């Protein structure tokens, strides 16, 4: 398991009609504040503030084609213009079972990244996939 200590951050949240929205600093737009989005936004701040990943190399809800179906990858990190790390986010009440891992692996069948991570905000698991599969105890440093 990867221990994640989310940094303090003052999120911009607003009420829009009957629902709340949160400002996504990477996409530079307001999005619906769902339980999954809350996890995604906290993970983004961890990547930006703690891990120092460049915002310009992050793609949020990146559209990809998997088995002739359009899907969206929660967080895709690029390095040297190539997909490098997939992070699949779930709401905090969603257990990280085999189905969540399979979803991320399906995305990887298209993207072929060396690193894969799944998180529900409370628990985070990751793997280095190349050259062989190995469990991660920390997110990989950017640029390595």
Protein backbone atom coordinates (compact mmCIF):
# COMPACT_ATOMS: atom_id res chain seq x y z
CA UNK A 1 0.00 0.00 0.00
CA UNK A 2 1.07 3.58 -0.65
CA UNK A 3 0.70 6.01 2.26
CA UNK A 4 -0.69 9.33 1.00
CA UNK A 5 -0.80 12.40 3.27
CA UNK A 6 -2.91 14.87 1.35
CA UNK A 7 -1.62 18.44 1.67
CA UNK A 8 -3.83 21.21 3.01
CA UNK A 9 -5.45 23.11 0.17
CA UNK A 10 -8.23 25.67 0.05
CA UNK A 11 -10.49 24.26 -2.64
CA UNK A 12 -12.83 26.63 -4.47
CA UNK A 13 -16.35 25.24 -4.04
CA UNK A 14 -19.59 26.87 -5.14
CA UNK A 15 -23.28 26.08 -5.12
CA UNK A 16 -24.75 25.79 -8.63
CA UNK A 17 -28.49 25.22 -8.62
CA UNK A 18 -29.10 22.08 -6.55
CA UNK A 19 -25.51 20.79 -6.59
CA UNK A 20 -22.02 21.82 -5.57
CA UNK A 21 -19.13 22.37 -7.93
CA UNK A 22 -15.39 22.40 -7.35
CA UNK A 23 -12.84 24.27 -9.44
CA UNK A 24 -10.37 21.94 -11.13
CA UNK A 25 -7.04 23.79 -11.38
CA UNK A 26 -5.73 21.46 -14.09
CA UNK A 27 -8.78 21.54 -16.36
CA UNK A 28 -9.33 25.20 -15.37
CA UNK A 29 -13.08 24.79 -15.05
CA UNK A 30 -15.84 24.07 -12.55
CA UNK A 31 -16.94 20.41 -12.28
CA UNK A 32 -19.61 18.62 -10.26
CA UNK A 33 -18.41 17.86 -6.75
CA UNK A 34 -19.13 14.14 -6.52
CA UNK A 35 -17.52 11.84 -3.94
CA UNK A 36 -15.18 10.52 -6.67
CA UNK A 37 -14.30 14.06 -7.76
CA UNK A 38 -13.35 14.91 -4.17
CA UNK A 39 -10.84 12.04 -4.17
CA UNK A 40 -9.55 13.05 -7.63
CA UNK A 41 -9.05 16.69 -6.57
CA UNK A 42 -7.17 15.70 -3.41
CA UNK A 43 -4.98 13.34 -5.41
CA UNK A 44 -4.29 16.14 -7.91
CA UNK A 45 -3.12 18.42 -5.11
CA UNK A 46 -0.87 15.63 -3.81
CA UNK A 47 0.65 15.20 -7.27
CA UNK A 48 1.15 18.94 -7.75
CA UNK A 49 2.25 20.02 -4.27
CA UNK A 50 3.97 17.01 -2.74
CA UNK A 51 5.24 15.06 -5.74
CA UNK A 52 5.90 18.19 -7.82
CA UNK A 53 4.43 16.70 -11.00
CA UNK A 54 4.05 19.48 -13.62
CA UNK A 55 0.39 20.42 -14.16
CA UNK A 56 0.97 20.67 -17.90
CA UNK A 57 1.70 16.94 -18.04
CA UNK A 58 -1.52 15.88 -16.28
CA UNK A 59 -4.65 14.88 -18.19
CA UNK A 60 -7.88 14.63 -16.20
CA UNK A 61 -10.67 12.34 -17.42
CA UNK A 62 -8.67 11.66 -20.58
CA UNK A 63 -10.84 10.08 -23.28
CA UNK A 64 -9.47 6.81 -24.60
CA UNK A 65 -10.83 3.93 -26.66
CA UNK A 66 -10.84 0.51 -24.99
CA UNK A 67 -12.26 -2.44 -26.93
CA UNK A 68 -14.01 -0.04 -29.32
CA UNK A 69 -15.71 1.78 -26.42
CA UNK A 70 -15.08 5.36 -25.31
CA UNK A 71 -13.82 5.49 -21.71
CA UNK A 72 -12.31 8.16 -19.46
CA UNK A 73 -9.13 7.67 -17.48
CA UNK A 74 -9.33 9.63 -14.19
CA UNK A 75 -5.75 10.91 -14.10
CA UNK A 76 -3.14 10.26 -16.76
CA UNK A 77 0.38 11.56 -16.23
CA UNK A 78 2.64 12.02 -19.21
CA UNK A 79 6.42 12.01 -19.25
CA UNK A 80 8.44 12.84 -22.37
CA UNK A 81 5.14 13.14 -24.29
CA UNK A 82 4.26 9.52 -23.49
CA UNK A 83 1.62 8.12 -21.10
CA UNK A 84 3.55 7.28 -17.93
CA UNK A 85 1.15 6.77 -15.00
CA UNK A 86 -2.56 5.93 -14.75
CA UNK A 87 -4.41 6.79 -11.54
CA UNK A 88 -7.94 5.40 -11.20
CA UNK A 89 -9.93 7.19 -8.49
CA UNK A 90 -13.01 5.91 -6.69
CA UNK A 91 -15.21 7.44 -4.01
CA UNK A 92 -14.09 6.81 -0.43
CA UNK A 93 -16.91 4.32 0.17
CA UNK A 94 -15.93 2.18 -2.84
CA UNK A 95 -13.68 -0.75 -1.90
CA UNK A 96 -10.59 -1.26 -4.05
CA UNK A 97 -11.41 -4.77 -5.18
CA UNK A 98 -10.44 -6.76 -8.27
CA UNK A 99 -12.96 -4.95 -10.50
CA UNK A 100 -11.27 -1.57 -9.89
CA UNK A 101 -7.88 -3.02 -10.76
CA UNK A 102 -9.32 -4.64 -13.89
CA UNK A 103 -10.73 -1.29 -15.00
CA UNK A 104 -7.30 0.33 -14.70
CA UNK A 105 -5.68 -2.61 -16.49
CA UNK A 106 -8.16 -2.22 -19.36
CA UNK A 107 -7.09 1.42 -19.71
CA UNK A 108 -3.51 0.24 -19.72
CA UNK A 109 -4.20 -2.17 -22.58
CA UNK A 110 -4.54 0.98 -24.69
CA UNK A 111 -2.02 3.26 -22.96
CA UNK A 112 0.81 0.84 -22.01
CA UNK A 113 2.13 2.86 -19.05
CA UNK A 114 4.94 1.70 -16.76
CA UNK A 115 3.00 2.71 -13.58
CA UNK A 116 -0.57 2.03 -12.45
CA UNK A 117 -2.31 3.32 -9.28
CA UNK A 118 -5.80 2.85 -7.82
CA UNK A 119 -7.14 4.91 -4.92
CA UNK A 120 -10.31 5.64 -2.99
CA UNK A 121 -8.70 8.43 -0.98
CA UNK A 122 -8.31 6.27 2.12
CA UNK A 123 -6.29 3.50 0.48
CA UNK A 124 -3.90 3.68 -2.44
CA UNK A 125 -2.23 0.78 -4.23
CA UNK A 126 0.22 0.95 -7.08
CA UNK A 127 2.37 -1.18 -9.33
CA UNK A 128 5.36 -0.75 -11.54
CA UNK A 129 4.44 -2.75 -14.63
CA UNK A 130 7.63 -2.64 -16.67
CA UNK A 131 9.90 -4.51 -17.08
CA UNK A 132 8.23 -6.80 -14.51
CA UNK A 133 5.28 -6.27 -12.15
CA UNK A 134 6.20 -5.02 -8.67
CA UNK A 135 4.09 -3.41 -5.93
CA UNK A 136 4.84 0.23 -5.15
CA UNK A 137 5.28 1.63 -1.63
CA UNK A 138 5.34 5.24 -2.93
CA UNK A 139 4.38 7.08 -6.08
CA UNK A 140 7.24 7.27 -8.56
CA UNK A 141 9.13 10.57 -8.57
CA UNK A 142 8.52 12.60 -11.71
CA UNK A 143 11.43 12.57 -14.12
CA UNK A 144 12.73 9.13 -13.06
